[in-house]
PDB file of N, CA and C in Angstrom:
ATOM      1  N   MET A   1       0.044  25.585  32.806  1.00  0.00           N
ATOM      2  CA  MET A   1      -0.075  24.554  31.785  1.00  0.00           C
ATOM      3  C   MET A   1      -1.550  24.211  31.599  1.00  0.00           C
ATOM      4  N   ARG A   2      -1.964  24.126  30.355  1.00  0.00           N
ATOM      5  CA  ARG A   2      -3.307  23.687  30.024  1.00  0.00           C
ATOM      6  C   ARG A   2      -3.224  22.265  29.492  1.00  0.00           C
ATOM      7  N   GLU A   3      -4.291  21.502  29.666  1.00  0.00           N
ATOM      8  CA  GLU A   3      -4.268  20.098  29.269  1.00  0.00           C
ATOM      9  C   GLU A   3      -5.618  19.713  28.689  1.00  0.00           C
ATOM     10  N   LYS A   4      -5.588  18.820  27.709  1.00  0.00           N
ATOM     11  CA  LYS A   4      -6.814  18.332  27.087  1.00  0.00           C
ATOM     12  C   LYS A   4      -6.603  16.871  26.732  1.00  0.00           C
ATOM     13  N   THR A   5      -7.547  16.026  27.117  1.00  0.00           N
ATOM     14  CA  THR A   5      -7.482  14.611  26.761  1.00  0.00           C
ATOM     15  C   THR A   5      -8.711  14.277  25.938  1.00  0.00           C
ATOM     16  N   ILE A   6      -8.481  13.609  24.815  1.00  0.00           N
ATOM     17  CA  ILE A   6      -9.551  13.222  23.908  1.00  0.00           C
ATOM     18  C   ILE A   6      -9.492  11.715  23.724  1.00  0.00           C
ATOM     19  N   GLU A   7     -10.643  11.052  23.799  1.00  0.00           N
ATOM     20  CA  GLU A   7     -10.710   9.614  23.568  1.00  0.00           C
ATOM     21  C   GLU A   7     -11.772   9.362  22.509  1.00  0.00           C
ATOM     22  N   PHE A   8     -11.443   8.547  21.504  1.00  0.00           N
ATOM     23  CA  PHE A   8     -12.410   8.233  20.457  1.00  0.00           C
ATOM     24  C   PHE A   8     -12.064   6.894  19.821  1.00  0.00           C
ATOM     25  N   THR A   9     -12.999   6.325  19.087  1.00  0.00           N
ATOM     26  CA  THR A   9     -12.740   5.108  18.328  1.00  0.00           C
ATOM     27  C   THR A   9     -12.855   5.435  16.853  1.00  0.00           C
ATOM     28  N   GLY A  10     -12.106   4.735  16.032  1.00  0.00           N
ATOM     29  CA  GLY A  10     -12.157   5.001  14.609  1.00  0.00           C
ATOM     30  C   GLY A  10     -11.265   4.064  13.832  1.00  0.00           C
ATOM     31  N   TYR A  11     -11.247   4.275  12.532  1.00  0.00           N
ATOM     32  CA  TYR A  11     -10.428   3.498  11.609  1.00  0.00           C
ATOM     33  C   TYR A  11      -9.371   4.418  11.005  1.00  0.00           C
ATOM     34  N   PRO A  12      -8.138   3.954  10.823  1.00  0.00           N
ATOM     35  CA  PRO A  12      -7.158   4.773  10.113  1.00  0.00           C
ATOM     36  C   PRO A  12      -7.664   5.064   8.705  1.00  0.00           C
ATOM     37  N   SER A  13      -7.581   6.318   8.267  1.00  0.00           N
ATOM     38  CA  SER A  13      -8.186   6.714   6.993  1.00  0.00           C
ATOM     39  C   SER A  13      -7.401   6.236   5.788  1.00  0.00           C
ATOM     40  N   GLY A  14      -6.112   6.018   5.949  1.00  0.00           N
ATOM     41  CA  GLY A  14      -5.318   5.556   4.826  1.00  0.00           C
ATOM     42  C   GLY A  14      -4.607   6.662   4.075  1.00  0.00           C
ATOM     43  N   ASP A  15      -4.929   7.941   4.337  1.00  0.00           N
ATOM     44  CA  ASP A  15      -4.233   8.996   3.600  1.00  0.00           C
ATOM     45  C   ASP A  15      -2.858   9.290   4.191  1.00  0.00           C
ATOM     46  N   HIS A  16      -2.636   8.928   5.452  1.00  0.00           N
ATOM     47  CA  HIS A  16      -1.334   8.972   6.140  1.00  0.00           C
ATOM     48  C   HIS A  16      -0.694  10.349   6.251  1.00  0.00           C
ATOM     49  N   GLU A  17      -1.230  11.385   5.636  1.00  0.00           N
ATOM     50  CA  GLU A  17      -0.597  12.681   5.726  1.00  0.00           C
ATOM     51  C   GLU A  17      -1.605  13.786   5.999  1.00  0.00           C
ATOM     52  N   ALA A  18      -2.615  13.500   6.820  1.00  0.00           N
ATOM     53  CA  ALA A  18      -3.616  14.500   7.152  1.00  0.00           C
ATOM     54  C   ALA A  18      -2.990  15.642   7.960  1.00  0.00           C
ATOM     55  N   PHE A  19      -1.986  15.333   8.750  1.00  0.00           N
ATOM     56  CA  PHE A  19      -1.265  16.330   9.534  1.00  0.00           C
ATOM     57  C   PHE A  19       0.070  15.726   9.911  1.00  0.00           C
ATOM     58  N   CYS A  20       0.978  16.554  10.355  1.00  0.00           N
ATOM     59  CA  CYS A  20       2.252  16.031  10.851  1.00  0.00           C
ATOM     60  C   CYS A  20       2.688  16.871  12.045  1.00  0.00           C
ATOM     61  N   PHE A  21       3.629  16.340  12.784  1.00  0.00           N
ATOM     62  CA  PHE A  21       4.232  17.041  13.914  1.00  0.00           C
ATOM     63  C   PHE A  21       5.720  17.164  13.645  1.00  0.00           C
ATOM     64  N   ASP A  22       6.313  18.279  14.060  1.00  0.00           N
ATOM     65  CA  ASP A  22       7.756  18.457  13.992  1.00  0.00           C
ATOM     66  C   ASP A  22       8.329  18.089  15.357  1.00  0.00           C
ATOM     67  N   VAL A  23       9.256  17.132  15.351  1.00  0.00           N
ATOM     68  CA  VAL A  23       9.859  16.646  16.598  1.00  0.00           C
ATOM     69  C   VAL A  23      11.373  16.668  16.473  1.00  0.00           C
ATOM     70  N   ASP A  24      12.059  16.599  17.616  1.00  0.00           N
ATOM     71  CA  ASP A  24      13.521  16.560  17.563  1.00  0.00           C
ATOM     72  C   ASP A  24      13.991  15.163  17.151  1.00  0.00           C
ATOM     73  N   LYS A  25      15.288  15.033  16.914  1.00  0.00           N
ATOM     74  CA  LYS A  25      15.858  13.785  16.406  1.00  0.00           C
ATOM     75  C   LYS A  25      15.630  12.616  17.364  1.00  0.00           C
ATOM     76  N   ASP A  26      15.774  12.848  18.670  1.00  0.00           N
ATOM     77  CA  ASP A  26      15.591  11.773  19.647  1.00  0.00           C
ATOM     78  C   ASP A  26      14.156  11.251  19.639  1.00  0.00           C
ATOM     79  N   ASP A  27      13.184  12.166  19.615  1.00  0.00           N
ATOM     80  CA  ASP A  27      11.784  11.739  19.575  1.00  0.00           C
ATOM     81  C   ASP A  27      11.464  11.056  18.247  1.00  0.00           C
ATOM     82  N   PHE A  28      12.053  11.530  17.160  1.00  0.00           N
ATOM     83  CA  PHE A  28      11.843  10.885  15.856  1.00  0.00           C
ATOM     84  C   PHE A  28      12.286   9.425  15.924  1.00  0.00           C
ATOM     85  N   ARG A  29      13.478   9.192  16.450  1.00  0.00           N
ATOM     86  CA  ARG A  29      13.999   7.820  16.572  1.00  0.00           C
ATOM     87  C   ARG A  29      13.121   6.965  17.484  1.00  0.00           C
ATOM     88  N   LEU A  30      12.679   7.545  18.596  1.00  0.00           N
ATOM     89  CA  LEU A  30      11.832   6.819  19.544  1.00  0.00           C
ATOM     90  C   LEU A  30      10.523   6.389  18.884  1.00  0.00           C
ATOM     91  N   ILE A  31       9.913   7.285  18.125  1.00  0.00           N
ATOM     92  CA  ILE A  31       8.610   7.019  17.513  1.00  0.00           C
ATOM     93  C   ILE A  31       8.719   6.098  16.301  1.00  0.00           C
ATOM     94  N   THR A  32       9.708   6.343  15.426  1.00  0.00           N
ATOM     95  CA  THR A  32       9.794   5.588  14.173  1.00  0.00           C
ATOM     96  C   THR A  32      10.711   4.374  14.242  1.00  0.00           C
ATOM     97  N   GLY A  33      11.633   4.373  15.212  1.00  0.00           N
ATOM     98  CA  GLY A  33      12.579   3.266  15.313  1.00  0.00           C
ATOM     99  C   GLY A  33      13.712   3.343  14.312  1.00  0.00           C
ATOM    100  N   ARG A  34      13.912   4.506  13.699  1.00  0.00           N
ATOM    101  CA  ARG A  34      14.993   4.654  12.723  1.00  0.00           C
ATOM    102  C   ARG A  34      15.562   6.072  12.777  1.00  0.00           C
ATOM    103  N   LYS A  35      16.744   6.231  12.164  1.00  0.00           N
ATOM    104  CA  LYS A  35      17.354   7.550  12.056  1.00  0.00           C
ATOM    105  C   LYS A  35      16.622   8.345  10.986  1.00  0.00           C
ATOM    106  N   PRO A  36      16.429   9.653  11.189  1.00  0.00           N
ATOM    107  CA  PRO A  36      15.795  10.456  10.140  1.00  0.00           C
ATOM    108  C   PRO A  36      16.737  10.648   8.953  1.00  0.00           C
ATOM    109  N   ASN A  37      16.154  10.820   7.771  1.00  0.00           N
ATOM    110  CA  ASN A  37      16.953  11.124   6.585  1.00  0.00           C
ATOM    111  C   ASN A  37      16.575  12.521   6.087  1.00  0.00           C
ATOM    112  N   LYS A  38      17.162  12.939   4.968  1.00  0.00           N
ATOM    113  CA  LYS A  38      16.934  14.306   4.485  1.00  0.00           C
ATOM    114  C   LYS A  38      15.474  14.562   4.131  1.00  0.00           C
ATOM    115  N   PHE A  39      14.725  13.540   3.769  1.00  0.00           N
ATOM    116  CA  PHE A  39      13.321  13.720   3.417  1.00  0.00           C
ATOM    117  C   PHE A  39      12.418  13.888   4.643  1.00  0.00           C
ATOM    118  N   ASP A  40      12.940  13.549   5.822  1.00  0.00           N
ATOM    119  CA  ASP A  40      12.189  13.684   7.073  1.00  0.00           C
ATOM    120  C   ASP A  40      12.334  15.069   7.693  1.00  0.00           C
ATOM    121  N   ARG A  41      13.222  15.883   7.177  1.00  0.00           N
ATOM    122  CA  ARG A  41      13.453  17.209   7.759  1.00  0.00           C
ATOM    123  C   ARG A  41      12.189  18.056   7.708  1.00  0.00           C
ATOM    124  N   ALA A  42      11.930  18.744   8.798  1.00  0.00           N
ATOM    125  CA  ALA A  42      10.766  19.628   8.876  1.00  0.00           C
ATOM    126  C   ALA A  42      10.943  20.807   7.917  1.00  0.00           C
ATOM    127  N   VAL A  43       9.846  21.227   7.341  1.00  0.00           N
ATOM    128  CA  VAL A  43       9.865  22.336   6.394  1.00  0.00           C
ATOM    129  C   VAL A  43       9.939  23.679   7.109  1.00  0.00           C
ATOM    130  N   PHE A  44       9.218  23.814   8.221  1.00  0.00           N
ATOM    131  CA  PHE A  44       9.091  25.112   8.878  1.00  0.00           C
ATOM    132  C   PHE A  44       9.852  25.239  10.197  1.00  0.00           C
ATOM    133  N   SER A  45      10.336  24.140  10.755  1.00  0.00           N
ATOM    134  CA  SER A  45      11.014  24.176  12.059  1.00  0.00           C
ATOM    135  C   SER A  45      12.445  23.681  11.898  1.00  0.00           C
ATOM    136  N   LYS A  46      13.390  24.597  11.922  1.00  0.00           N
ATOM    137  CA  LYS A  46      14.797  24.270  11.721  1.00  0.00           C
ATOM    138  C   LYS A  46      15.293  23.265  12.761  1.00  0.00           C
ATOM    139  N   GLY A  47      15.985  22.241  12.307  1.00  0.00           N
ATOM    140  CA  GLY A  47      16.562  21.241  13.195  1.00  0.00           C
ATOM    141  C   GLY A  47      15.575  20.184  13.675  1.00  0.00           C
ATOM    142  N   MET A  48      14.365  20.205  13.132  1.00  0.00           N
ATOM    143  CA  MET A  48      13.336  19.250  13.554  1.00  0.00           C
ATOM    144  C   MET A  48      13.018  18.296  12.396  1.00  0.00           C
ATOM    145  N   TYR A  49      12.245  17.240  12.724  1.00  0.00           N
ATOM    146  CA  TYR A  49      11.893  16.204  11.751  1.00  0.00           C
ATOM    147  C   TYR A  49      10.398  15.921  11.838  1.00  0.00           C
ATOM    148  N   MET A  50       9.813  15.565  10.698  1.00  0.00           N
ATOM    149  CA  MET A  50       8.364  15.366  10.629  1.00  0.00           C
ATOM    150  C   MET A  50       7.977  13.917  10.926  1.00  0.00           C
ATOM    151  N   ILE A  51       6.918  13.759  11.733  1.00  0.00           N
ATOM    152  CA  ILE A  51       6.289  12.455  11.900  1.00  0.00           C
ATOM    153  C   ILE A  51       4.819  12.602  11.504  1.00  0.00           C
ATOM    154  N   TYR A  52       4.241  11.502  11.041  1.00  0.00           N
ATOM    155  CA  TYR A  52       2.865  11.477  10.555  1.00  0.00           C
ATOM    156  C   TYR A  52       2.049  10.486  11.363  1.00  0.00           C
ATOM    157  N   PRO A  53       0.736  10.553  11.269  1.00  0.00           N
ATOM    158  CA  PRO A  53      -0.107   9.567  11.977  1.00  0.00           C
ATOM    159  C   PRO A  53       0.309   8.125  11.696  1.00  0.00           C
ATOM    160  N   SER A  54       0.701   7.840  10.476  1.00  0.00           N
ATOM    161  CA  SER A  54       1.123   6.471  10.143  1.00  0.00           C
ATOM    162  C   SER A  54       2.336   6.036  10.959  1.00  0.00           C
ATOM    163  N   ASP A  55       3.207   6.986  11.342  1.00  0.00           N
ATOM    164  CA  ASP A  55       4.353   6.653  12.193  1.00  0.00           C
ATOM    165  C   ASP A  55       3.894   6.228  13.581  1.00  0.00           C
ATOM    166  N   LEU A  56       2.833   6.855  14.078  1.00  0.00           N
ATOM    167  CA  LEU A  56       2.311   6.517  15.403  1.00  0.00           C
ATOM    168  C   LEU A  56       1.610   5.164  15.392  1.00  0.00           C
ATOM    169  N   LEU A  57       1.077   4.764  14.246  1.00  0.00           N
ATOM    170  CA  LEU A  57       0.313   3.517  14.130  1.00  0.00           C
ATOM    171  C   LEU A  57       1.136   2.356  13.599  1.00  0.00           C
ATOM    172  N   GLU A  58       2.407   2.575  13.325  1.00  0.00           N
ATOM    173  CA  GLU A  58       3.259   1.547  12.740  1.00  0.00           C
ATOM    174  C   GLU A  58       3.139   0.222  13.492  1.00  0.00           C
ATOM    175  N   GLY A  59       2.854  -0.840  12.760  1.00  0.00           N
ATOM    176  CA  GLY A  59       2.735  -2.171  13.345  1.00  0.00           C
ATOM    177  C   GLY A  59       1.374  -2.468  13.955  1.00  0.00           C
ATOM    178  N   LEU A  60       0.475  -1.502  13.965  1.00  0.00           N
ATOM    179  CA  LEU A  60      -0.830  -1.713  14.579  1.00  0.00           C
ATOM    180  C   LEU A  60      -1.971  -1.823  13.571  1.00  0.00           C
ATOM    181  N   THR A  61      -1.808  -1.240  12.398  1.00  0.00           N
ATOM    182  CA  THR A  61      -2.925  -1.147  11.472  1.00  0.00           C
ATOM    183  C   THR A  61      -3.168  -2.459  10.721  1.00  0.00           C
ATOM    184  N   GLU A  62      -4.392  -2.890  10.760  1.00  0.00           N
ATOM    185  CA  GLU A  62      -4.862  -4.047  10.013  1.00  0.00           C
ATOM    186  C   GLU A  62      -6.188  -3.654   9.380  1.00  0.00           C
ATOM    187  N   ALA A  63      -6.430  -4.140   8.179  1.00  0.00           N
ATOM    188  CA  ALA A  63      -7.692  -3.825   7.503  1.00  0.00           C
ATOM    189  C   ALA A  63      -8.862  -4.276   8.357  1.00  0.00           C
ATOM    190  N   ASP A  64      -9.961  -3.578   8.264  1.00  0.00           N
ATOM    191  CA  ASP A  64     -11.220  -3.800   8.985  1.00  0.00           C
ATOM    192  C   ASP A  64     -11.107  -3.986  10.503  1.00  0.00           C
ATOM    193  N   LYS A  65     -10.104  -3.385  11.110  1.00  0.00           N
ATOM    194  CA  LYS A  65     -10.011  -3.352  12.573  1.00  0.00           C
ATOM    195  C   LYS A  65     -10.372  -1.953  13.036  1.00  0.00           C
ATOM    196  N   LYS A  66     -11.104  -1.869  14.132  1.00  0.00           N
ATOM    197  CA  LYS A  66     -11.433  -0.583  14.733  1.00  0.00           C
ATOM    198  C   LYS A  66     -10.472  -0.364  15.901  1.00  0.00           C
ATOM    199  N   TYR A  67     -10.033   0.872  16.098  1.00  0.00           N
ATOM    200  CA  TYR A  67      -9.069   1.203  17.131  1.00  0.00           C
ATOM    201  C   TYR A  67      -9.636   2.226  18.096  1.00  0.00           C
ATOM    202  N   LYS A  68      -9.189   2.157  19.333  1.00  0.00           N
ATOM    203  CA  LYS A  68      -9.534   3.166  20.327  1.00  0.00           C
ATOM    204  C   LYS A  68      -8.301   4.058  20.481  1.00  0.00           C
ATOM    205  N   PHE A  69      -8.492   5.360  20.320  1.00  0.00           N
ATOM    206  CA  PHE A  69      -7.408   6.320  20.436  1.00  0.00           C
ATOM    207  C   PHE A  69      -7.615   7.161  21.683  1.00  0.00           C
ATOM    208  N   GLU A  70      -6.544   7.384  22.414  1.00  0.00           N
ATOM    209  CA  GLU A  70      -6.570   8.301  23.545  1.00  0.00           C
ATOM    210  C   GLU A  70      -5.385   9.229  23.385  1.00  0.00           C
ATOM    211  N   ILE A  71      -5.665  10.502  23.239  1.00  0.00           N
ATOM    212  CA  ILE A  71      -4.626  11.488  23.009  1.00  0.00           C
ATOM    213  C   ILE A  71      -4.656  12.491  24.152  1.00  0.00           C
ATOM    214  N   SER A  72      -3.519  12.691  24.762  1.00  0.00           N
ATOM    215  CA  SER A  72      -3.399  13.677  25.831  1.00  0.00           C
ATOM    216  C   SER A  72      -2.501  14.800  25.326  1.00  0.00           C
ATOM    217  N   ILE A  73      -3.001  16.008  25.357  1.00  0.00           N
ATOM    218  CA  ILE A  73      -2.266  17.166  24.865  1.00  0.00           C
ATOM    219  C   ILE A  73      -1.994  18.098  26.038  1.00  0.00           C
ATOM    220  N   LYS A  74      -0.742  18.439  26.255  1.00  0.00           N
ATOM    221  CA  LYS A  74      -0.366  19.376  27.309  1.00  0.00           C
ATOM    222  C   LYS A  74       0.299  20.572  26.669  1.00  0.00           C
ATOM    223  N   ILE A  75      -0.231  21.737  26.931  1.00  0.00           N
ATOM    224  CA  ILE A  75       0.350  22.970  26.416  1.00  0.00           C
ATOM    225  C   ILE A  75       1.223  23.553  27.511  1.00  0.00           C
ATOM    226  N   ILE A  76       2.498  23.640  27.240  1.00  0.00           N
ATOM    227  CA  ILE A  76       3.445  24.157  28.218  1.00  0.00           C
ATOM    228  C   ILE A  76       3.848  25.556  27.757  1.00  0.00           C
ATOM    229  N   GLU A  77       3.550  26.535  28.559  1.00  0.00           N
ATOM    230  CA  GLU A  77       3.863  27.920  28.217  1.00  0.00           C
ATOM    231  C   GLU A  77       5.366  28.136  28.258  1.00  0.00           C
ATOM    232  N   GLU A  78       5.890  28.863  27.280  1.00  0.00           N
ATOM    233  CA  GLU A  78       7.328  29.187  27.239  1.00  0.00           C
ATOM    234  C   GLU A  78       7.737  29.934  28.498  1.00  0.00           C
ATOM    235  N   GLY A  79       8.771  29.459  29.154  1.00  0.00           N
ATOM    236  CA  GLY A  79       9.308  30.154  30.312  1.00  0.00           C
ATOM    237  C   GLY A  79       8.462  30.070  31.563  1.00  0.00           C
ATOM    238  N   GLY A  80       7.306  29.399  31.474  1.00  0.00           N
ATOM    239  CA  GLY A  80       6.428  29.298  32.634  1.00  0.00           C
ATOM    240  C   GLY A  80       6.704  28.022  33.417  1.00  0.00           C
ATOM    241  N   ALA A  81       6.235  27.996  34.642  1.00  0.00           N
ATOM    242  CA  ALA A  81       6.369  26.803  35.466  1.00  0.00           C
ATOM    243  C   ALA A  81       5.282  25.813  35.085  1.00  0.00           C
ATOM    244  N   SER A  82       5.589  24.538  35.124  1.00  0.00           N
ATOM    245  CA  SER A  82       4.599  23.510  34.778  1.00  0.00           C
ATOM    246  C   SER A  82       3.847  23.014  35.987  1.00  0.00           C
TER     247      SER A  82
END
């Protein structure tokens, strides 16, 4: 397993769709607090649903506030031990 942690400060850009992640239904509900609908279905990953940066920031964004972001990324190899 490879791992990378990035920490930075910044402002939400407001475009809300710079990138998205495809997640399963359980993670979608956990992150957004709601059931996915047909418009949330992932385009390229069958059975998955899209979340956007705005979903991760829900309830946190206020105009002229600066935020500290810490993102930890773990790459888990298919079939490999973690």
